PDB file of N, CA and C in Angstrom:
ATOM      1  N   GLN A   1      -2.863   0.549  -2.290  1.00  0.00           N
ATOM      2  CA  GLN A   1      -2.297  -0.472  -3.139  1.00  0.00           C
ATOM      3  C   GLN A   1      -2.486  -0.104  -4.598  1.00  0.00           C
ATOM      4  N   VAL A   2      -1.569  -0.577  -5.397  1.00  0.00           N
ATOM      5  CA  VAL A   2      -1.619  -0.374  -6.842  1.00  0.00           C
ATOM      6  C   VAL A   2      -1.569  -1.762  -7.478  1.00  0.00           C
ATOM      7  N   PRO A   3      -2.429  -2.042  -8.442  1.00  0.00           N
ATOM      8  CA  PRO A   3      -2.431  -3.378  -9.049  1.00  0.00           C
ATOM      9  C   PRO A   3      -1.215  -3.623  -9.943  1.00  0.00           C
ATOM     10  N   ILE A   4      -0.773  -4.858  -9.954  1.00  0.00           N
ATOM     11  CA  ILE A   4       0.258  -5.292 -10.897  1.00  0.00           C
ATOM     12  C   ILE A   4      -0.479  -6.120 -11.937  1.00  0.00           C
ATOM     13  N   GLY A   5      -0.690  -5.546 -13.087  1.00  0.00           N
ATOM     14  CA  GLY A   5      -1.475  -6.190 -14.135  1.00  0.00           C
ATOM     15  C   GLY A   5      -2.954  -5.925 -13.942  1.00  0.00           C
ATOM     16  N   LEU A   6      -3.686  -5.938 -15.023  1.00  0.00           N
ATOM     17  CA  LEU A   6      -5.123  -5.691 -14.960  1.00  0.00           C
ATOM     18  C   LEU A   6      -5.882  -6.865 -15.569  1.00  0.00           C
ATOM     19  N   GLU A   7      -7.106  -7.022 -15.116  1.00  0.00           N
ATOM     20  CA  GLU A   7      -8.020  -8.045 -15.607  1.00  0.00           C
ATOM     21  C   GLU A   7      -7.363  -9.421 -15.600  1.00  0.00           C
ATOM     22  N   GLY A   8      -7.273 -10.078 -16.729  1.00  0.00           N
ATOM     23  CA  GLY A   8      -6.709 -11.426 -16.788  1.00  0.00           C
ATOM     24  C   GLY A   8      -5.225 -11.493 -16.486  1.00  0.00           C
ATOM     25  N   ASP A   9      -4.532 -10.360 -16.577  1.00  0.00           N
ATOM     26  CA  ASP A   9      -3.091 -10.312 -16.311  1.00  0.00           C
ATOM     27  C   ASP A   9      -2.763  -9.884 -14.888  1.00  0.00           C
ATOM     28  N   HIS A  10      -3.770  -9.742 -14.042  1.00  0.00           N
ATOM     29  CA  HIS A  10      -3.567  -9.307 -12.652  1.00  0.00           C
ATOM     30  C   HIS A  10      -2.830 -10.396 -11.871  1.00  0.00           C
ATOM     31  N   VAL A  11      -1.664 -10.055 -11.327  1.00  0.00           N
ATOM     32  CA  VAL A  11      -0.863 -11.045 -10.597  1.00  0.00           C
ATOM     33  C   VAL A  11      -0.570 -10.642  -9.151  1.00  0.00           C
ATOM     34  N   GLY A  12      -0.868  -9.398  -8.785  1.00  0.00           N
ATOM     35  CA  GLY A  12      -0.583  -8.956  -7.424  1.00  0.00           C
ATOM     36  C   GLY A  12      -0.769  -7.463  -7.271  1.00  0.00           C
ATOM     37  N   VAL A  13      -0.204  -6.939  -6.178  1.00  0.00           N
ATOM     38  CA  VAL A  13      -0.338  -5.512  -5.876  1.00  0.00           C
ATOM     39  C   VAL A  13       0.986  -4.961  -5.355  1.00  0.00           C
ATOM     40  N   VAL A  14       1.097  -3.649  -5.405  1.00  0.00           N
ATOM     41  CA  VAL A  14       2.229  -2.964  -4.779  1.00  0.00           C
ATOM     42  C   VAL A  14       1.713  -2.402  -3.457  1.00  0.00           C
ATOM     43  N   ASP A  15       2.371  -2.771  -2.370  1.00  0.00           N
ATOM     44  CA  ASP A  15       2.043  -2.271  -1.038  1.00  0.00           C
ATOM     45  C   ASP A  15       2.659  -0.884  -0.915  1.00  0.00           C
ATOM     46  N   LEU A  16       1.830   0.149  -0.796  1.00  0.00           N
ATOM     47  CA  LEU A  16       2.329   1.525  -0.767  1.00  0.00           C
ATOM     48  C   LEU A  16       2.958   1.909   0.568  1.00  0.00           C
ATOM     49  N   VAL A  17       2.645   1.195   1.627  1.00  0.00           N
ATOM     50  CA  VAL A  17       3.265   1.480   2.920  1.00  0.00           C
ATOM     51  C   VAL A  17       4.690   0.921   2.943  1.00  0.00           C
ATOM     52  N   GLU A  18       4.838  -0.323   2.552  1.00  0.00           N
ATOM     53  CA  GLU A  18       6.148  -0.983   2.550  1.00  0.00           C
ATOM     54  C   GLU A  18       6.936  -0.722   1.265  1.00  0.00           C
ATOM     55  N   MET A  19       6.254  -0.254   0.213  1.00  0.00           N
ATOM     56  CA  MET A  19       6.841  -0.055  -1.117  1.00  0.00           C
ATOM     57  C   MET A  19       7.543  -1.330  -1.590  1.00  0.00           C
ATOM     58  N   ARG A  20       6.743  -2.395  -1.652  1.00  0.00           N
ATOM     59  CA  ARG A  20       7.204  -3.671  -2.174  1.00  0.00           C
ATOM     60  C   ARG A  20       6.043  -4.351  -2.884  1.00  0.00           C
ATOM     61  N   SER A  21       6.373  -5.312  -3.708  1.00  0.00           N
ATOM     62  CA  SER A  21       5.356  -6.030  -4.473  1.00  0.00           C
ATOM     63  C   SER A  21       4.885  -7.250  -3.697  1.00  0.00           C
ATOM     64  N   ALA A  22       3.618  -7.562  -3.841  1.00  0.00           N
ATOM     65  CA  ALA A  22       3.041  -8.775  -3.270  1.00  0.00           C
ATOM     66  C   ALA A  22       2.364  -9.518  -4.410  1.00  0.00           C
ATOM     67  N   TYR A  23       2.879 -10.711  -4.702  1.00  0.00           N
ATOM     68  CA  TYR A  23       2.331 -11.516  -5.794  1.00  0.00           C
ATOM     69  C   TYR A  23       1.455 -12.616  -5.201  1.00  0.00           C
ATOM     70  N   CYS A  24       0.264 -12.761  -5.727  1.00  0.00           N
ATOM     71  CA  CYS A  24      -0.680 -13.768  -5.264  1.00  0.00           C
ATOM     72  C   CYS A  24      -0.588 -14.963  -6.207  1.00  0.00           C
ATOM     73  N   GLU A  25      -0.072 -16.057  -5.683  1.00  0.00           N
ATOM     74  CA  GLU A  25       0.170 -17.232  -6.508  1.00  0.00           C
ATOM     75  C   GLU A  25      -0.693 -18.392  -6.045  1.00  0.00           C
ATOM     76  N   GLY A  26      -0.784 -19.390  -6.848  1.00  0.00           N
ATOM     77  CA  GLY A  26      -1.596 -20.549  -6.537  1.00  0.00           C
ATOM     78  C   GLY A  26      -2.934 -20.455  -7.257  1.00  0.00           C
ATOM     79  N   ALA A  27      -3.662 -21.550  -7.261  1.00  0.00           N
ATOM     80  CA  ALA A  27      -4.932 -21.617  -7.990  1.00  0.00           C
ATOM     81  C   ALA A  27      -5.943 -20.584  -7.503  1.00  0.00           C
ATOM     82  N   LYS A  28      -5.917 -20.277  -6.220  1.00  0.00           N
ATOM     83  CA  LYS A  28      -6.876 -19.318  -5.669  1.00  0.00           C
ATOM     84  C   LYS A  28      -6.186 -18.167  -4.955  1.00  0.00           C
ATOM     85  N   GLY A  29      -4.982 -17.848  -5.340  1.00  0.00           N
ATOM     86  CA  GLY A  29      -4.262 -16.717  -4.759  1.00  0.00           C
ATOM     87  C   GLY A  29      -3.887 -16.900  -3.315  1.00  0.00           C
ATOM     88  N   GLU A  30      -3.858 -18.150  -2.850  1.00  0.00           N
ATOM     89  CA  GLU A  30      -3.639 -18.426  -1.431  1.00  0.00           C
ATOM     90  C   GLU A  30      -2.196 -18.261  -0.975  1.00  0.00           C
ATOM     91  N   THR A  31      -1.257 -18.255  -1.899  1.00  0.00           N
ATOM     92  CA  THR A  31       0.153 -18.098  -1.551  1.00  0.00           C
ATOM     93  C   THR A  31       0.598 -16.686  -1.921  1.00  0.00           C
ATOM     94  N   VAL A  32       1.086 -15.950  -0.935  1.00  0.00           N
ATOM     95  CA  VAL A  32       1.545 -14.579  -1.173  1.00  0.00           C
ATOM     96  C   VAL A  32       3.067 -14.567  -1.133  1.00  0.00           C
ATOM     97  N   ARG A  33       3.658 -14.044  -2.196  1.00  0.00           N
ATOM     98  CA  ARG A  33       5.118 -13.917  -2.286  1.00  0.00           C
ATOM     99  C   ARG A  33       5.456 -12.438  -2.367  1.00  0.00           C
ATOM    100  N   TYR A  34       6.327 -11.990  -1.466  1.00  0.00           N
ATOM    101  CA  TYR A  34       6.749 -10.588  -1.450  1.00  0.00           C
ATOM    102  C   TYR A  34       8.060 -10.420  -2.196  1.00  0.00           C
ATOM    103  N   ASP A  35       8.195  -9.298  -2.861  1.00  0.00           N
ATOM    104  CA  ASP A  35       9.413  -8.982  -3.599  1.00  0.00           C
ATOM    105  C   ASP A  35       9.693  -7.496  -3.391  1.00  0.00           C
ATOM    106  N   GLU A  36      10.922  -7.181  -3.029  1.00  0.00           N
ATOM    107  CA  GLU A  36      11.287  -5.778  -2.794  1.00  0.00           C
ATOM    108  C   GLU A  36      11.276  -4.956  -4.081  1.00  0.00           C
ATOM    109  N   ALA A  37      11.421  -5.619  -5.216  1.00  0.00           N
ATOM    110  CA  ALA A  37      11.430  -4.912  -6.497  1.00  0.00           C
ATOM    111  C   ALA A  37       9.996  -4.635  -6.960  1.00  0.00           C
ATOM    112  N   ILE A  38       9.774  -3.423  -7.415  1.00  0.00           N
ATOM    113  CA  ILE A  38       8.469  -3.035  -7.969  1.00  0.00           C
ATOM    114  C   ILE A  38       8.616  -3.023  -9.486  1.00  0.00           C
ATOM    115  N   PRO A  39       7.707  -3.673 -10.211  1.00  0.00           N
ATOM    116  CA  PRO A  39       7.819  -3.686 -11.674  1.00  0.00           C
ATOM    117  C   PRO A  39       7.890  -2.273 -12.248  1.00  0.00           C
ATOM    118  N   GLU A  40       8.736  -2.091 -13.243  1.00  0.00           N
ATOM    119  CA  GLU A  40       8.954  -0.773 -13.843  1.00  0.00           C
ATOM    120  C   GLU A  40       7.672  -0.157 -14.395  1.00  0.00           C
ATOM    121  N   ASP A  41       6.774  -0.974 -14.928  1.00  0.00           N
ATOM    122  CA  ASP A  41       5.570  -0.420 -15.550  1.00  0.00           C
ATOM    123  C   ASP A  41       4.584   0.167 -14.543  1.00  0.00           C
ATOM    124  N   VAL A  42       4.746  -0.132 -13.242  1.00  0.00           N
ATOM    125  CA  VAL A  42       3.862   0.459 -12.230  1.00  0.00           C
ATOM    126  C   VAL A  42       4.609   1.295 -11.199  1.00  0.00           C
ATOM    127  N   ARG A  43       5.939   1.369 -11.318  1.00  0.00           N
ATOM    128  CA  ARG A  43       6.740   2.100 -10.327  1.00  0.00           C
ATOM    129  C   ARG A  43       6.320   3.569 -10.207  1.00  0.00           C
ATOM    130  N   GLU A  44       6.197   4.261 -11.331  1.00  0.00           N
ATOM    131  CA  GLU A  44       5.842   5.680 -11.306  1.00  0.00           C
ATOM    132  C   GLU A  44       4.468   5.898 -10.672  1.00  0.00           C
ATOM    133  N   LEU A  45       3.505   5.066 -11.036  1.00  0.00           N
ATOM    134  CA  LEU A  45       2.162   5.168 -10.456  1.00  0.00           C
ATOM    135  C   LEU A  45       2.205   4.891  -8.957  1.00  0.00           C
ATOM    136  N   ALA A  46       2.980   3.890  -8.535  1.00  0.00           N
ATOM    137  CA  ALA A  46       3.091   3.554  -7.113  1.00  0.00           C
ATOM    138  C   ALA A  46       3.698   4.714  -6.325  1.00  0.00           C
ATOM    139  N   GLU A  47       4.729   5.345  -6.862  1.00  0.00           N
ATOM    140  CA  GLU A  47       5.347   6.484  -6.179  1.00  0.00           C
ATOM    141  C   GLU A  47       4.376   7.655  -6.082  1.00  0.00           C
ATOM    142  N   GLU A  48       3.614   7.873  -7.144  1.00  0.00           N
ATOM    143  CA  GLU A  48       2.621   8.948  -7.153  1.00  0.00           C
ATOM    144  C   GLU A  48       1.523   8.686  -6.119  1.00  0.00           C
ATOM    145  N   LYS A  49       1.029   7.460  -6.067  1.00  0.00           N
ATOM    146  CA  LYS A  49      -0.042   7.117  -5.126  1.00  0.00           C
ATOM    147  C   LYS A  49       0.454   7.105  -3.689  1.00  0.00           C
ATOM    148  N   ARG A  50       1.726   6.723  -3.475  1.00  0.00           N
ATOM    149  CA  ARG A  50       2.280   6.771  -2.121  1.00  0.00           C
ATOM    150  C   ARG A  50       2.358   8.224  -1.653  1.00  0.00           C
ATOM    151  N   ALA A  51       2.828   9.119  -2.513  1.00  0.00           N
ATOM    152  CA  ALA A  51       2.911  10.530  -2.158  1.00  0.00           C
ATOM    153  C   ALA A  51       1.523  11.079  -1.826  1.00  0.00           C
ATOM    154  N   GLU A  52       0.524  10.668  -2.588  1.00  0.00           N
ATOM    155  CA  GLU A  52      -0.852  11.096  -2.331  1.00  0.00           C
ATOM    156  C   GLU A  52      -1.341  10.553  -0.985  1.00  0.00           C
ATOM    157  N   MET A  53      -1.022   9.282  -0.687  1.00  0.00           N
ATOM    158  CA  MET A  53      -1.418   8.684   0.588  1.00  0.00           C
ATOM    159  C   MET A  53      -0.764   9.420   1.756  1.00  0.00           C
ATOM    160  N   VAL A  54       0.540   9.694   1.628  1.00  0.00           N
ATOM    161  CA  VAL A  54       1.262  10.388   2.700  1.00  0.00           C
ATOM    162  C   VAL A  54       0.689  11.790   2.902  1.00  0.00           C
ATOM    163  N   GLU A  55       0.386  12.483   1.826  1.00  0.00           N
ATOM    164  CA  GLU A  55      -0.185  13.829   1.929  1.00  0.00           C
ATOM    165  C   GLU A  55      -1.523  13.800   2.666  1.00  0.00           C
ATOM    166  N   MET A  56      -2.381  12.854   2.294  1.00  0.00           N
ATOM    167  CA  MET A  56      -3.687  12.763   2.955  1.00  0.00           C
ATOM    168  C   MET A  56      -3.548  12.348   4.410  1.00  0.00           C
ATOM    169  N   LEU A  57      -2.615  11.457   4.693  1.00  0.00           N
ATOM    170  CA  LEU A  57      -2.389  11.024   6.070  1.00  0.00           C
ATOM    171  C   LEU A  57      -1.800  12.155   6.908  1.00  0.00           C
ATOM    172  N   ALA A  58      -0.911  12.942   6.323  1.00  0.00           N
ATOM    173  CA  ALA A  58      -0.323  14.078   7.044  1.00  0.00           C
ATOM    174  C   ALA A  58      -1.369  15.139   7.371  1.00  0.00           C
ATOM    175  N   ASP A  59      -2.408  15.229   6.553  1.00  0.00           N
ATOM    176  CA  ASP A  59      -3.485  16.188   6.824  1.00  0.00           C
ATOM    177  C   ASP A  59      -4.278  15.833   8.073  1.00  0.00           C
ATOM    178  N   VAL A  60      -4.309  14.543   8.438  1.00  0.00           N
ATOM    179  CA  VAL A  60      -5.138  14.122   9.576  1.00  0.00           C
ATOM    180  C   VAL A  60      -4.327  13.574  10.743  1.00  0.00           C
ATOM    181  N   ASP A  61      -3.004  13.448  10.591  1.00  0.00           N
ATOM    182  CA  ASP A  61      -2.183  12.914  11.671  1.00  0.00           C
ATOM    183  C   ASP A  61      -0.950  13.798  11.875  1.00  0.00           C
ATOM    184  N   ASP A  62      -0.840  14.375  13.065  1.00  0.00           N
ATOM    185  CA  ASP A  62       0.254  15.303  13.364  1.00  0.00           C
ATOM    186  C   ASP A  62       1.622  14.629  13.373  1.00  0.00           C
ATOM    187  N   GLU A  63       1.708  13.362  13.808  1.00  0.00           N
ATOM    188  CA  GLU A  63       3.000  12.671  13.845  1.00  0.00           C
ATOM    189  C   GLU A  63       3.571  12.494  12.443  1.00  0.00           C
ATOM    190  N   VAL A  64       2.717  12.138  11.504  1.00  0.00           N
ATOM    191  CA  VAL A  64       3.176  11.969  10.121  1.00  0.00           C
ATOM    192  C   VAL A  64       3.581  13.319   9.542  1.00  0.00           C
ATOM    193  N   ALA A  65       2.780  14.334   9.787  1.00  0.00           N
ATOM    194  CA  ALA A  65       3.090  15.667   9.271  1.00  0.00           C
ATOM    195  C   ALA A  65       4.423  16.161   9.825  1.00  0.00           C
ATOM    196  N   GLU A  66       4.619  15.986  11.121  1.00  0.00           N
ATOM    197  CA  GLU A  66       5.855  16.434  11.763  1.00  0.00           C
ATOM    198  C   GLU A  66       7.066  15.659  11.237  1.00  0.00           C
ATOM    199  N   ALA A  67       6.924  14.342  11.125  1.00  0.00           N
ATOM    200  CA  ALA A  67       8.030  13.516  10.622  1.00  0.00           C
ATOM    201  C   ALA A  67       8.385  13.899   9.196  1.00  0.00           C
ATOM    202  N   TYR A  68       7.386  14.139   8.378  1.00  0.00           N
ATOM    203  CA  TYR A  68       7.629  14.499   6.985  1.00  0.00           C
ATOM    204  C   TYR A  68       8.311  15.865   6.882  1.00  0.00           C
ATOM    205  N   LEU A  69       7.845  16.826   7.675  1.00  0.00           N
ATOM    206  CA  LEU A  69       8.438  18.160   7.639  1.00  0.00           C
ATOM    207  C   LEU A  69       9.862  18.173   8.187  1.00  0.00           C
ATOM    208  N   ASP A  70      10.112  17.340   9.199  1.00  0.00           N
ATOM    209  CA  ASP A  70      11.448  17.303   9.809  1.00  0.00           C
ATOM    210  C   ASP A  70      12.454  16.486   9.012  1.00  0.00           C
ATOM    211  N   GLY A  71      12.011  15.357   8.448  1.00  0.00           N
ATOM    212  CA  GLY A  71      12.962  14.468   7.809  1.00  0.00           C
ATOM    213  C   GLY A  71      12.651  14.061   6.391  1.00  0.00           C
ATOM    214  N   GLY A  72      11.569  14.554   5.840  1.00  0.00           N
ATOM    215  CA  GLY A  72      11.201  14.202   4.476  1.00  0.00           C
ATOM    216  C   GLY A  72      10.718  12.770   4.352  1.00  0.00           C
ATOM    217  N   GLU A  73      10.738  12.264   3.148  1.00  0.00           N
ATOM    218  CA  GLU A  73      10.239  10.913   2.846  1.00  0.00           C
ATOM    219  C   GLU A  73      10.991   9.831   3.627  1.00  0.00           C
ATOM    220  N   GLU A  74      12.287  10.037   3.872  1.00  0.00           N
ATOM    221  CA  GLU A  74      13.098   9.039   4.578  1.00  0.00           C
ATOM    222  C   GLU A  74      12.629   8.830   6.015  1.00  0.00           C
ATOM    223  N   ALA A  75      12.009   9.840   6.620  1.00  0.00           N
ATOM    224  CA  ALA A  75      11.554   9.739   8.005  1.00  0.00           C
ATOM    225  C   ALA A  75      10.257   8.945   8.137  1.00  0.00           C
ATOM    226  N   LEU A  76       9.608   8.661   7.028  1.00  0.00           N
ATOM    227  CA  LEU A  76       8.326   7.967   7.063  1.00  0.00           C
ATOM    228  C   LEU A  76       8.536   6.460   6.988  1.00  0.00           C
ATOM    229  N   THR A  77       8.775   5.848   8.125  1.00  0.00           N
ATOM    230  CA  THR A  77       8.999   4.412   8.181  1.00  0.00           C
ATOM    231  C   THR A  77       7.665   3.680   8.042  1.00  0.00           C
ATOM    232  N   PRO A  78       7.702   2.431   7.586  1.00  0.00           N
ATOM    233  CA  PRO A  78       6.457   1.652   7.517  1.00  0.00           C
ATOM    234  C   PRO A  78       5.751   1.555   8.871  1.00  0.00           C
ATOM    235  N   GLU A  79       6.528   1.451   9.947  1.00  0.00           N
ATOM    236  CA  GLU A  79       5.934   1.351  11.282  1.00  0.00           C
ATOM    237  C   GLU A  79       5.167   2.628  11.635  1.00  0.00           C
ATOM    238  N   LEU A  80       5.760   3.788  11.325  1.00  0.00           N
ATOM    239  CA  LEU A  80       5.099   5.067  11.582  1.00  0.00           C
ATOM    240  C   LEU A  80       3.816   5.176  10.768  1.00  0.00           C
ATOM    241  N   LEU A  81       3.879   4.816   9.495  1.00  0.00           N
ATOM    242  CA  LEU A  81       2.691   4.908   8.640  1.00  0.00           C
ATOM    243  C   LEU A  81       1.594   3.951   9.088  1.00  0.00           C
ATOM    244  N   LYS A  82       1.970   2.721   9.438  1.00  0.00           N
ATOM    245  CA  LYS A  82       0.967   1.742   9.898  1.00  0.00           C
ATOM    246  C   LYS A  82       0.288   2.216  11.172  1.00  0.00           C
ATOM    247  N   ALA A  83       1.070   2.735  12.116  1.00  0.00           N
ATOM    248  CA  ALA A  83       0.499   3.231  13.371  1.00  0.00           C
ATOM    249  C   ALA A  83      -0.432   4.410  13.110  1.00  0.00           C
ATOM    250  N   ALA A  84      -0.035   5.304  12.223  1.00  0.00           N
ATOM    251  CA  ALA A  84      -0.866   6.470  11.905  1.00  0.00           C
ATOM    252  C   ALA A  84      -2.152   6.048  11.193  1.00  0.00           C
ATOM    253  N   ILE A  85      -2.036   5.095  10.268  1.00  0.00           N
ATOM    254  CA  ILE A  85      -3.237   4.610   9.572  1.00  0.00           C
ATOM    255  C   ILE A  85      -4.195   3.994  10.576  1.00  0.00           C
ATOM    256  N   ARG A  86      -3.682   3.225  11.512  1.00  0.00           N
ATOM    257  CA  ARG A  86      -4.549   2.618  12.535  1.00  0.00           C
ATOM    258  C   ARG A  86      -5.212   3.687  13.398  1.00  0.00           C
ATOM    259  N   ARG A  87      -4.413   4.644  13.897  1.00  0.00           N
ATOM    260  CA  ARG A  87      -4.971   5.716  14.742  1.00  0.00           C
ATOM    261  C   ARG A  87      -6.073   6.468  14.021  1.00  0.00           C
ATOM    262  N   CYS A  88      -5.798   6.840  12.788  1.00  0.00           N
ATOM    263  CA  CYS A  88      -6.752   7.654  12.032  1.00  0.00           C
ATOM    264  C   CYS A  88      -7.968   6.852  11.580  1.00  0.00           C
ATOM    265  N   THR A  89      -7.793   5.567  11.362  1.00  0.00           N
ATOM    266  CA  THR A  89      -8.927   4.722  11.007  1.00  0.00           C
ATOM    267  C   THR A  89      -9.856   4.569  12.210  1.00  0.00           C
ATOM    268  N   VAL A  90      -9.273   4.329  13.380  1.00  0.00           N
ATOM    269  CA  VAL A  90     -10.067   4.207  14.605  1.00  0.00           C
ATOM    270  C   VAL A  90     -10.791   5.524  14.903  1.00  0.00           C
ATOM    271  N   ALA A  91     -10.119   6.646  14.637  1.00  0.00           N
ATOM    272  CA  ALA A  91     -10.719   7.965  14.871  1.00  0.00           C
ATOM    273  C   ALA A  91     -11.690   8.363  13.756  1.00  0.00           C
ATOM    274  N   ARG A  92     -11.802   7.519  12.746  1.00  0.00           N
ATOM    275  CA  ARG A  92     -12.681   7.740  11.592  1.00  0.00           C
ATOM    276  C   ARG A  92     -12.335   9.021  10.830  1.00  0.00           C
ATOM    277  N   SER A  93     -11.034   9.296  10.721  1.00  0.00           N
ATOM    278  CA  SER A  93     -10.603  10.455   9.943  1.00  0.00           C
ATOM    279  C   SER A  93      -9.808  10.044   8.693  1.00  0.00           C
ATOM    280  N   PHE A  94      -9.635   8.737   8.517  1.00  0.00           N
ATOM    281  CA  PHE A  94      -8.894   8.207   7.373  1.00  0.00           C
ATOM    282  C   PHE A  94      -9.470   6.837   7.043  1.00  0.00           C
ATOM    283  N   VAL A  95      -9.635   6.561   5.764  1.00  0.00           N
ATOM    284  CA  VAL A  95     -10.189   5.271   5.352  1.00  0.00           C
ATOM    285  C   VAL A  95      -9.195   4.588   4.408  1.00  0.00           C
ATOM    286  N   PRO A  96      -8.536   3.523   4.882  1.00  0.00           N
ATOM    287  CA  PRO A  96      -7.622   2.806   3.983  1.00  0.00           C
ATOM    288  C   PRO A  96      -8.424   2.024   2.937  1.00  0.00           C
ATOM    289  N   VAL A  97      -7.873   1.926   1.746  1.00  0.00           N
ATOM    290  CA  VAL A  97      -8.540   1.207   0.664  1.00  0.00           C
ATOM    291  C   VAL A  97      -7.610   0.107   0.174  1.00  0.00           C
ATOM    292  N   PHE A  98      -8.134  -1.101   0.131  1.00  0.00           N
ATOM    293  CA  PHE A  98      -7.380  -2.245  -0.369  1.00  0.00           C
ATOM    294  C   PHE A  98      -8.006  -2.677  -1.679  1.00  0.00           C
ATOM    295  N   MET A  99      -7.229  -3.330  -2.512  1.00  0.00           N
ATOM    296  CA  MET A  99      -7.784  -3.795  -3.773  1.00  0.00           C
ATOM    297  C   MET A  99      -7.399  -5.244  -3.988  1.00  0.00           C
ATOM    298  N   GLY A 100      -8.163  -5.869  -4.820  1.00  0.00           N
ATOM    299  CA  GLY A 100      -7.898  -7.257  -5.156  1.00  0.00           C
ATOM    300  C   GLY A 100      -8.836  -7.667  -6.273  1.00  0.00           C
ATOM    301  N   SER A 101      -8.875  -8.940  -6.511  1.00  0.00           N
ATOM    302  CA  SER A 101      -9.708  -9.464  -7.572  1.00  0.00           C
ATOM    303  C   SER A 101     -10.525 -10.627  -7.031  1.00  0.00           C
ATOM    304  N   ALA A 102     -11.821 -10.576  -7.235  1.00  0.00           N
ATOM    305  CA  ALA A 102     -12.669 -11.680  -6.804  1.00  0.00           C
ATOM    306  C   ALA A 102     -12.370 -12.933  -7.617  1.00  0.00           C
ATOM    307  N   PHE A 103     -11.895 -12.738  -8.839  1.00  0.00           N
ATOM    308  CA  PHE A 103     -11.522 -13.863  -9.687  1.00  0.00           C
ATOM    309  C   PHE A 103     -10.220 -14.457  -9.162  1.00  0.00           C
ATOM    310  N   LYS A 104     -10.246 -15.664  -8.715  1.00  0.00           N
ATOM    311  CA  LYS A 104      -9.096 -16.379  -8.149  1.00  0.00           C
ATOM    312  C   LYS A 104      -8.597 -15.763  -6.849  1.00  0.00           C
ATOM    313  N   ASN A 105      -9.373 -14.890  -6.212  1.00  0.00           N
ATOM    314  CA  ASN A 105      -9.071 -14.322  -4.894  1.00  0.00           C
ATOM    315  C   ASN A 105      -7.719 -13.620  -4.796  1.00  0.00           C
ATOM    316  N   LYS A 106      -7.240 -13.035  -5.844  1.00  0.00           N
ATOM    317  CA  LYS A 106      -5.940 -12.359  -5.805  1.00  0.00           C
ATOM    318  C   LYS A 106      -6.043 -11.052  -5.020  1.00  0.00           C
ATOM    319  N   GLY A 107      -5.230 -10.940  -4.003  1.00  0.00           N
ATOM    320  CA  GLY A 107      -5.235  -9.768  -3.141  1.00  0.00           C
ATOM    321  C   GLY A 107      -6.049  -9.952  -1.876  1.00  0.00           C
ATOM    322  N   VAL A 108      -6.897 -10.960  -1.839  1.00  0.00           N
ATOM    323  CA  VAL A 108      -7.761 -11.192  -0.679  1.00  0.00           C
ATOM    324  C   VAL A 108      -6.954 -11.604   0.535  1.00  0.00           C
ATOM    325  N   GLN A 109      -5.935 -12.425   0.352  1.00  0.00           N
ATOM    326  CA  GLN A 109      -5.124 -12.896   1.464  1.00  0.00           C
ATOM    327  C   GLN A 109      -4.428 -11.738   2.202  1.00  0.00           C
ATOM    328  N   LEU A 110      -4.104 -10.679   1.482  1.00  0.00           N
ATOM    329  CA  LEU A 110      -3.440  -9.527   2.085  1.00  0.00           C
ATOM    330  C   LEU A 110      -4.352  -8.796   3.055  1.00  0.00           C
ATOM    331  N   VAL A 111      -5.645  -8.825   2.792  1.00  0.00           N
ATOM    332  CA  VAL A 111      -6.601  -8.152   3.670  1.00  0.00           C
ATOM    333  C   VAL A 111      -6.846  -8.998   4.916  1.00  0.00           C
ATOM    334  N   LEU A 112      -6.881 -10.310   4.744  1.00  0.00           N
ATOM    335  CA  LEU A 112      -7.135 -11.204   5.871  1.00  0.00           C
ATOM    336  C   LEU A 112      -5.965 -11.199   6.811  1.00  0.00           C
TER     337      LEU A 112
END
């Protein structure tokens, strides 16, 4: 995940698997609103971090590596990435990292 805004301006995160924005709204971030558009100020960083995630996942999962080599970025569906992340997490060869803010619980609902 990549944060949308920092510190007091933190409003949500970019989901690198789905490549969409998740905004945490409400007094305690309890309402999550998804948006297919990624803010321009974090788009480049999100694309860079997604490429890094895919590279690391391809190093430990043959299905992701094969799909990427055969079909490129377009072959990497969210379902394929989620399944690979689960397999590799269970096998203890990959550790997913989530982010959020303890202040107003922004991002916490996405982990739950």
